PDB file of all heavy atoms in Angstrom:
ATOM      1  N   ARG A   1       3.684 -24.067   4.102  1.00  0.00           N
ATOM      2  CA  ARG A   1       2.380 -24.230   3.445  1.00  0.00           C
ATOM      3  C   ARG A   1       1.468 -25.127   4.291  1.00  0.00           C
ATOM      4  O   ARG A   1       0.250 -24.918   4.357  1.00  0.00           O
ATOM      5  CB  ARG A   1       2.564 -24.818   2.040  1.00  0.00           C
ATOM      6  CG  ARG A   1       3.069 -23.801   1.027  1.00  0.00           C
ATOM      7  CD  ARG A   1       3.373 -24.456  -0.303  1.00  0.00           C
ATOM      8  NE  ARG A   1       2.199 -24.772  -1.086  1.00  0.00           N
ATOM      9  CZ  ARG A   1       1.647 -23.974  -1.993  1.00  0.00           C
ATOM     10  NH1 ARG A   1       2.163 -22.776  -2.223  1.00  0.00           N
ATOM     11  NH2 ARG A   1       0.603 -24.352  -2.684  1.00  0.00           N
ATOM     12  N   GLU A   2       2.047 -26.127   4.951  1.00  0.00           N
ATOM     13  CA  GLU A   2       1.238 -27.023   5.776  1.00  0.00           C
ATOM     14  C   GLU A   2       0.697 -26.286   7.005  1.00  0.00           C
ATOM     15  O   GLU A   2      -0.442 -26.512   7.418  1.00  0.00           O
ATOM     16  CB  GLU A   2       2.078 -28.236   6.189  1.00  0.00           C
ATOM     17  CG  GLU A   2       1.263 -29.483   6.468  1.00  0.00           C
ATOM     18  CD  GLU A   2       0.631 -30.090   5.213  1.00  0.00           C
ATOM     19  OE1 GLU A   2       0.889 -29.616   4.086  1.00  0.00           O
ATOM     20  OE2 GLU A   2      -0.142 -31.065   5.366  1.00  0.00           O
ATOM     21  N   TRP A   3       1.510 -25.397   7.573  1.00  0.00           N
ATOM     22  CA  TRP A   3       1.003 -24.563   8.663  1.00  0.00           C
ATOM     23  C   TRP A   3      -0.156 -23.692   8.186  1.00  0.00           C
ATOM     24  O   TRP A   3      -1.145 -23.498   8.904  1.00  0.00           O
ATOM     25  CB  TRP A   3       2.119 -23.670   9.218  1.00  0.00           C
ATOM     26  CG  TRP A   3       3.018 -24.358  10.195  1.00  0.00           C
ATOM     27  CD1 TRP A   3       4.293 -24.783   9.981  1.00  0.00           C
ATOM     28  CD2 TRP A   3       2.707 -24.726  11.551  1.00  0.00           C
ATOM     29  NE1 TRP A   3       4.802 -25.382  11.116  1.00  0.00           N
ATOM     30  CE2 TRP A   3       3.847 -25.355  12.086  1.00  0.00           C
ATOM     31  CE3 TRP A   3       1.583 -24.568  12.351  1.00  0.00           C
ATOM     32  CZ2 TRP A   3       3.891 -25.833  13.403  1.00  0.00           C
ATOM     33  CZ3 TRP A   3       1.618 -25.048  13.662  1.00  0.00           C
ATOM     34  CH2 TRP A   3       2.768 -25.671  14.168  1.00  0.00           C
ATOM     35  N   CYS A   4      -0.046 -23.174   6.975  1.00  0.00           N
ATOM     36  CA  CYS A   4      -1.133 -22.355   6.414  1.00  0.00           C
ATOM     37  C   CYS A   4      -2.357 -23.210   6.111  1.00  0.00           C
ATOM     38  O   CYS A   4      -3.502 -22.740   6.250  1.00  0.00           O
ATOM     39  CB  CYS A   4      -0.656 -21.640   5.147  1.00  0.00           C
ATOM     40  SG  CYS A   4       0.579 -20.358   5.461  1.00  0.00           S
ATOM     41  N   LEU A   5      -2.148 -24.454   5.699  1.00  0.00           N
ATOM     42  CA  LEU A   5      -3.257 -25.377   5.477  1.00  0.00           C
ATOM     43  C   LEU A   5      -4.022 -25.603   6.780  1.00  0.00           C
ATOM     44  O   LEU A   5      -5.260 -25.634   6.801  1.00  0.00           O
ATOM     45  CB  LEU A   5      -2.744 -26.700   4.922  1.00  0.00           C
ATOM     46  CG  LEU A   5      -3.784 -27.810   4.727  1.00  0.00           C
ATOM     47  CD1 LEU A   5      -4.777 -27.435   3.635  1.00  0.00           C
ATOM     48  CD2 LEU A   5      -3.096 -29.139   4.380  1.00  0.00           C
ATOM     49  N   PHE A   6      -3.276 -25.746   7.862  1.00  0.00           N
ATOM     50  CA  PHE A   6      -3.888 -25.913   9.190  1.00  0.00           C
ATOM     51  C   PHE A   6      -4.752 -24.709   9.544  1.00  0.00           C
ATOM     52  O   PHE A   6      -5.901 -24.841   9.987  1.00  0.00           O
ATOM     53  CB  PHE A   6      -2.780 -26.124  10.225  1.00  0.00           C
ATOM     54  CG  PHE A   6      -3.233 -26.061  11.652  1.00  0.00           C
ATOM     55  CD1 PHE A   6      -4.266 -26.862  12.120  1.00  0.00           C
ATOM     56  CD2 PHE A   6      -2.616 -25.187  12.549  1.00  0.00           C
ATOM     57  CE1 PHE A   6      -4.682 -26.807  13.447  1.00  0.00           C
ATOM     58  CE2 PHE A   6      -3.021 -25.126  13.875  1.00  0.00           C
ATOM     59  CZ  PHE A   6      -4.055 -25.924  14.319  1.00  0.00           C
ATOM     60  N   ARG A   7      -4.221 -23.490   9.318  1.00  0.00           N
ATOM     61  CA  ARG A   7      -4.993 -22.286   9.606  1.00  0.00           C
ATOM     62  C   ARG A   7      -6.213 -22.187   8.684  1.00  0.00           C
ATOM     63  O   ARG A   7      -7.284 -21.719   9.089  1.00  0.00           O
ATOM     64  CB  ARG A   7      -4.108 -21.037   9.440  1.00  0.00           C
ATOM     65  CG  ARG A   7      -2.963 -20.951  10.419  1.00  0.00           C
ATOM     66  CD  ARG A   7      -3.442 -20.806  11.838  1.00  0.00           C
ATOM     67  NE  ARG A   7      -4.208 -19.577  11.987  1.00  0.00           N
ATOM     68  CZ  ARG A   7      -5.112 -19.383  12.933  1.00  0.00           C
ATOM     69  NH1 ARG A   7      -5.393 -20.357  13.783  1.00  0.00           N
ATOM     70  NH2 ARG A   7      -5.758 -18.238  13.027  1.00  0.00           N
ATOM     71  N   TYR A   8      -6.067 -22.647   7.442  1.00  0.00           N
ATOM     72  CA  TYR A   8      -7.188 -22.648   6.500  1.00  0.00           C
ATOM     73  C   TYR A   8      -8.285 -23.595   6.981  1.00  0.00           C
ATOM     74  O   TYR A   8      -9.479 -23.287   6.886  1.00  0.00           O
ATOM     75  CB  TYR A   8      -6.689 -23.070   5.123  1.00  0.00           C
ATOM     76  CG  TYR A   8      -7.751 -23.119   4.057  1.00  0.00           C
ATOM     77  CD1 TYR A   8      -8.341 -21.952   3.579  1.00  0.00           C
ATOM     78  CD2 TYR A   8      -8.169 -24.335   3.519  1.00  0.00           C
ATOM     79  CE1 TYR A   8      -9.318 -21.998   2.593  1.00  0.00           C
ATOM     80  CE2 TYR A   8      -9.131 -24.395   2.538  1.00  0.00           C
ATOM     81  CZ  TYR A   8      -9.716 -23.226   2.078  1.00  0.00           C
ATOM     82  OH  TYR A   8     -10.686 -23.269   1.105  1.00  0.00           O
ATOM     83  N   LYS A   9      -7.878 -24.737   7.523  1.00  0.00           N
ATOM     84  CA  LYS A   9      -8.835 -25.700   8.060  1.00  0.00           C
ATOM     85  C   LYS A   9      -9.613 -25.090   9.224  1.00  0.00           C
ATOM     86  O   LYS A   9     -10.823 -25.277   9.362  1.00  0.00           O
ATOM     87  CB  LYS A   9      -8.079 -26.943   8.529  1.00  0.00           C
ATOM     88  CG  LYS A   9      -8.839 -27.908   9.424  1.00  0.00           C
ATOM     89  CD  LYS A   9      -9.840 -28.738   8.672  1.00  0.00           C
ATOM     90  CE  LYS A   9     -10.440 -29.809   9.583  1.00  0.00           C
ATOM     91  NZ  LYS A   9     -11.518 -30.563   8.916  1.00  0.00           N
ATOM     92  N   VAL A  10      -8.916 -24.313  10.064  1.00  0.00           N
ATOM     93  CA  VAL A  10      -9.533 -23.747  11.262  1.00  0.00           C
ATOM     94  C   VAL A  10     -10.400 -22.530  10.936  1.00  0.00           C
ATOM     95  O   VAL A  10     -11.515 -22.381  11.459  1.00  0.00           O
ATOM     96  CB  VAL A  10      -8.452 -23.364  12.300  1.00  0.00           C
ATOM     97  CG1 VAL A  10      -9.053 -22.605  13.477  1.00  0.00           C
ATOM     98  CG2 VAL A  10      -7.716 -24.616  12.780  1.00  0.00           C
ATOM     99  N   THR A  11      -9.898 -21.660  10.060  1.00  0.00           N
ATOM    100  CA  THR A  11     -10.567 -20.374   9.811  1.00  0.00           C
ATOM    101  C   THR A  11     -11.377 -20.338   8.523  1.00  0.00           C
ATOM    102  O   THR A  11     -12.218 -19.460   8.345  1.00  0.00           O
ATOM    103  CB  THR A  11      -9.530 -19.235   9.747  1.00  0.00           C
ATOM    104  OG1 THR A  11      -8.678 -19.430   8.602  1.00  0.00           O
ATOM    105  CG2 THR A  11      -8.670 -19.204  11.006  1.00  0.00           C
ATOM    106  N   GLY A  12     -11.109 -21.262   7.595  1.00  0.00           N
ATOM    107  CA  GLY A  12     -11.805 -21.258   6.315  1.00  0.00           C
ATOM    108  C   GLY A  12     -11.285 -20.230   5.334  1.00  0.00           C
ATOM    109  O   GLY A  12     -11.907 -19.974   4.301  1.00  0.00           O
ATOM    110  N   ARG A  13     -10.123 -19.611   5.627  1.00  0.00           N
ATOM    111  CA  ARG A  13      -9.574 -18.627   4.703  1.00  0.00           C
ATOM    112  C   ARG A  13      -8.045 -18.655   4.770  1.00  0.00           C
ATOM    113  O   ARG A  13      -7.463 -19.223   5.698  1.00  0.00           O
ATOM    114  CB  ARG A  13     -10.074 -17.218   5.047  1.00  0.00           C
ATOM    115  CG  ARG A  13      -9.652 -16.724   6.410  1.00  0.00           C
ATOM    116  CD  ARG A  13     -10.302 -15.394   6.763  1.00  0.00           C
ATOM    117  NE  ARG A  13      -9.830 -14.898   8.061  1.00  0.00           N
ATOM    118  CZ  ARG A  13      -8.739 -14.168   8.223  1.00  0.00           C
ATOM    119  NH1 ARG A  13      -8.002 -13.841   7.161  1.00  0.00           N
ATOM    120  NH2 ARG A  13      -8.367 -13.741   9.416  1.00  0.00           N
ATOM    121  N   ILE A  14      -7.426 -18.033   3.788  1.00  0.00           N
ATOM    122  CA  ILE A  14      -5.987 -17.878   3.774  1.00  0.00           C
ATOM    123  C   ILE A  14      -5.677 -16.413   3.462  1.00  0.00           C
ATOM    124  O   ILE A  14      -6.308 -15.808   2.593  1.00  0.00           O
ATOM    125  CB  ILE A  14      -5.304 -18.812   2.739  1.00  0.00           C
ATOM    126  CG1 ILE A  14      -3.791 -18.550   2.708  1.00  0.00           C
ATOM    127  CG2 ILE A  14      -5.916 -18.672   1.354  1.00  0.00           C
ATOM    128  CD1 ILE A  14      -3.032 -19.530   1.838  1.00  0.00           C
ATOM    129  N   SER A  15      -4.736 -15.843   4.199  1.00  0.00           N
ATOM    130  CA  SER A  15      -4.372 -14.445   4.016  1.00  0.00           C
ATOM    131  C   SER A  15      -2.855 -14.294   4.046  1.00  0.00           C
ATOM    132  O   SER A  15      -2.137 -15.200   4.484  1.00  0.00           O
ATOM    133  CB  SER A  15      -4.983 -13.582   5.130  1.00  0.00           C
ATOM    134  OG  SER A  15      -4.390 -13.907   6.386  1.00  0.00           O
ATOM    135  N   LYS A  16      -2.387 -13.136   3.605  1.00  0.00           N
ATOM    136  CA  LYS A  16      -0.953 -12.872   3.635  1.00  0.00           C
ATOM    137  C   LYS A  16      -0.437 -12.901   5.069  1.00  0.00           C
ATOM    138  O   LYS A  16       0.670 -13.400   5.327  1.00  0.00           O
ATOM    139  CB  LYS A  16      -0.641 -11.526   2.991  1.00  0.00           C
ATOM    140  CG  LYS A  16       0.862 -11.253   2.867  1.00  0.00           C
ATOM    141  CD  LYS A  16       1.147  -9.913   2.249  1.00  0.00           C
ATOM    142  CE  LYS A  16       0.880  -8.792   3.229  1.00  0.00           C
ATOM    143  NZ  LYS A  16       1.282  -7.479   2.716  1.00  0.00           N
ATOM    144  N   GLU A  17      -1.215 -12.387   6.015  1.00  0.00           N
ATOM    145  CA  GLU A  17      -0.777 -12.367   7.407  1.00  0.00           C
ATOM    146  C   GLU A  17      -0.616 -13.772   7.971  1.00  0.00           C
ATOM    147  O   GLU A  17       0.255 -14.027   8.799  1.00  0.00           O
ATOM    148  CB  GLU A  17      -1.758 -11.555   8.265  1.00  0.00           C
ATOM    149  CG  GLU A  17      -1.592 -10.057   8.112  1.00  0.00           C
ATOM    150  CD  GLU A  17      -0.170  -9.593   8.420  1.00  0.00           C
ATOM    151  OE1 GLU A  17       0.349  -9.918   9.506  1.00  0.00           O
ATOM    152  OE2 GLU A  17       0.425  -8.900   7.575  1.00  0.00           O
ATOM    153  N   GLN A  18      -1.442 -14.704   7.513  1.00  0.00           N
ATOM    154  CA  GLN A  18      -1.274 -16.095   7.948  1.00  0.00           C
ATOM    155  C   GLN A  18       0.030 -16.671   7.421  1.00  0.00           C
ATOM    156  O   GLN A  18       0.717 -17.424   8.120  1.00  0.00           O
ATOM    157  CB  GLN A  18      -2.459 -16.936   7.472  1.00  0.00           C
ATOM    158  CG  GLN A  18      -3.752 -16.672   8.225  1.00  0.00           C
ATOM    159  CD  GLN A  18      -4.918 -17.463   7.677  1.00  0.00           C
ATOM    160  OE1 GLN A  18      -4.817 -18.108   6.635  1.00  0.00           O
ATOM    161  NE2 GLN A  18      -6.047 -17.421   8.365  1.00  0.00           N
ATOM    162  N   ILE A  19       0.396 -16.340   6.185  1.00  0.00           N
ATOM    163  CA  ILE A  19       1.661 -16.810   5.617  1.00  0.00           C
ATOM    164  C   ILE A  19       2.835 -16.194   6.373  1.00  0.00           C
ATOM    165  O   ILE A  19       3.819 -16.875   6.688  1.00  0.00           O
ATOM    166  CB  ILE A  19       1.742 -16.478   4.115  1.00  0.00           C
ATOM    167  CG1 ILE A  19       0.559 -17.102   3.363  1.00  0.00           C
ATOM    168  CG2 ILE A  19       3.057 -16.989   3.528  1.00  0.00           C
ATOM    169  CD1 ILE A  19       0.473 -16.693   1.892  1.00  0.00           C
ATOM    170  N   VAL A  20       2.726 -14.887   6.677  1.00  0.00           N
ATOM    171  CA  VAL A  20       3.781 -14.208   7.444  1.00  0.00           C
ATOM    172  C   VAL A  20       3.979 -14.884   8.794  1.00  0.00           C
ATOM    173  O   VAL A  20       5.111 -15.193   9.203  1.00  0.00           O
ATOM    174  CB  VAL A  20       3.431 -12.711   7.647  1.00  0.00           C
ATOM    175  CG1 VAL A  20       4.338 -12.078   8.698  1.00  0.00           C
ATOM    176  CG2 VAL A  20       3.553 -11.962   6.328  1.00  0.00           C
ATOM    177  N   GLU A  21       2.874 -15.147   9.496  1.00  0.00           N
ATOM    178  CA  GLU A  21       2.968 -15.771  10.821  1.00  0.00           C
ATOM    179  C   GLU A  21       3.587 -17.161  10.733  1.00  0.00           C
ATOM    180  O   GLU A  21       4.482 -17.509  11.511  1.00  0.00           O
ATOM    181  CB  GLU A  21       1.589 -15.854  11.471  1.00  0.00           C
ATOM    182  CG  GLU A  21       1.649 -16.471  12.865  1.00  0.00           C
ATOM    183  CD  GLU A  21       0.280 -16.665  13.492  1.00  0.00           C
ATOM    184  OE1 GLU A  21      -0.733 -16.530  12.777  1.00  0.00           O
ATOM    185  OE2 GLU A  21       0.229 -16.971  14.697  1.00  0.00           O
ATOM    186  N   ALA A  22       3.125 -17.973   9.786  1.00  0.00           N
ATOM    187  CA  ALA A  22       3.670 -19.319   9.634  1.00  0.00           C
ATOM    188  C   ALA A  22       5.156 -19.274   9.297  1.00  0.00           C
ATOM    189  O   ALA A  22       5.949 -20.072   9.807  1.00  0.00           O
ATOM    190  CB  ALA A  22       2.907 -20.073   8.549  1.00  0.00           C
ATOM    191  N   ALA A  23       5.552 -18.318   8.454  1.00  0.00           N
ATOM    192  CA  ALA A  23       6.942 -18.219   8.009  1.00  0.00           C
ATOM    193  C   ALA A  23       7.865 -17.817   9.146  1.00  0.00           C
ATOM    194  O   ALA A  23       8.900 -18.453   9.375  1.00  0.00           O
ATOM    195  CB  ALA A  23       7.051 -17.221   6.853  1.00  0.00           C
ATOM    196  N   PHE A  24       7.526 -16.764   9.890  1.00  0.00           N
ATOM    197  CA  PHE A  24       8.474 -16.310  10.908  1.00  0.00           C
ATOM    198  C   PHE A  24       8.507 -17.267  12.101  1.00  0.00           C
ATOM    199  O   PHE A  24       9.556 -17.448  12.734  1.00  0.00           O
ATOM    200  CB  PHE A  24       8.197 -14.858  11.330  1.00  0.00           C
ATOM    201  CG  PHE A  24       7.210 -14.641  12.442  1.00  0.00           C
ATOM    202  CD1 PHE A  24       7.554 -14.875  13.765  1.00  0.00           C
ATOM    203  CD2 PHE A  24       5.938 -14.145  12.172  1.00  0.00           C
ATOM    204  CE1 PHE A  24       6.649 -14.648  14.790  1.00  0.00           C
ATOM    205  CE2 PHE A  24       5.036 -13.909  13.190  1.00  0.00           C
ATOM    206  CZ  PHE A  24       5.388 -14.165  14.510  1.00  0.00           C
ATOM    207  N   ARG A  25       7.388 -17.919  12.415  1.00  0.00           N
ATOM    208  CA  ARG A  25       7.404 -18.890  13.518  1.00  0.00           C
ATOM    209  C   ARG A  25       8.250 -20.119  13.155  1.00  0.00           C
ATOM    210  O   ARG A  25       9.020 -20.619  13.981  1.00  0.00           O
ATOM    211  CB  ARG A  25       5.983 -19.300  13.892  1.00  0.00           C
ATOM    212  CG  ARG A  25       5.206 -18.190  14.594  1.00  0.00           C
ATOM    213  CD  ARG A  25       3.856 -18.649  15.081  1.00  0.00           C
ATOM    214  NE  ARG A  25       3.131 -17.565  15.731  1.00  0.00           N
ATOM    215  CZ  ARG A  25       3.320 -17.185  16.991  1.00  0.00           C
ATOM    216  NH1 ARG A  25       4.206 -17.838  17.735  1.00  0.00           N
ATOM    217  NH2 ARG A  25       2.638 -16.189  17.513  1.00  0.00           N
ATOM    218  N   TYR A  26       8.103 -20.612  11.944  1.00  0.00           N
ATOM    219  CA  TYR A  26       8.942 -21.735  11.514  1.00  0.00           C
ATOM    220  C   TYR A  26      10.414 -21.321  11.512  1.00  0.00           C
ATOM    221  O   TYR A  26      11.285 -22.061  11.971  1.00  0.00           O
ATOM    222  CB  TYR A  26       8.533 -22.194  10.113  1.00  0.00           C
ATOM    223  CG  TYR A  26       9.546 -23.108   9.470  1.00  0.00           C
ATOM    224  CD1 TYR A  26       9.638 -24.446   9.835  1.00  0.00           C
ATOM    225  CD2 TYR A  26      10.448 -22.622   8.517  1.00  0.00           C
ATOM    226  CE1 TYR A  26      10.596 -25.287   9.262  1.00  0.00           C
ATOM    227  CE2 TYR A  26      11.398 -23.446   7.948  1.00  0.00           C
ATOM    228  CZ  TYR A  26      11.464 -24.770   8.322  1.00  0.00           C
ATOM    229  OH  TYR A  26      12.426 -25.595   7.756  1.00  0.00           O
ATOM    230  N   SER A  27      10.696 -20.122  10.992  1.00  0.00           N
ATOM    231  CA  SER A  27      12.076 -19.651  10.906  1.00  0.00           C
ATOM    232  C   SER A  27      12.713 -19.557  12.283  1.00  0.00           C
ATOM    233  O   SER A  27      13.877 -19.925  12.465  1.00  0.00           O
ATOM    234  CB  SER A  27      12.122 -18.288  10.209  1.00  0.00           C
ATOM    235  OG  SER A  27      13.424 -17.755  10.231  1.00  0.00           O
ATOM    236  N   ARG A  28      11.976 -19.081  13.263  1.00  0.00           N
ATOM    237  CA  ARG A  28      12.543 -18.973  14.616  1.00  0.00           C
ATOM    238  C   ARG A  28      12.928 -20.342  15.160  1.00  0.00           C
ATOM    239  O   ARG A  28      13.966 -20.494  15.812  1.00  0.00           O
ATOM    240  CB  ARG A  28      11.552 -18.298  15.562  1.00  0.00           C
ATOM    241  CG  ARG A  28      11.472 -16.813  15.333  1.00  0.00           C
ATOM    242  CD  ARG A  28      11.056 -16.063  16.572  1.00  0.00           C
ATOM    243  NE  ARG A  28      10.969 -14.639  16.269  1.00  0.00           N
ATOM    244  CZ  ARG A  28      10.494 -13.734  17.092  1.00  0.00           C
ATOM    245  NH1 ARG A  28      10.066 -14.099  18.288  1.00  0.00           N
ATOM    246  NH2 ARG A  28      10.455 -12.462  16.752  1.00  0.00           N
TER     247      ARG A  28
END
């Protein structure tokens, strides 16, 4: 969620693809 917060700060929006990206990068 904090990674998504960072993307929200940068882009001004939140999307499912942002959650997917944050999730798989953290998981790796």
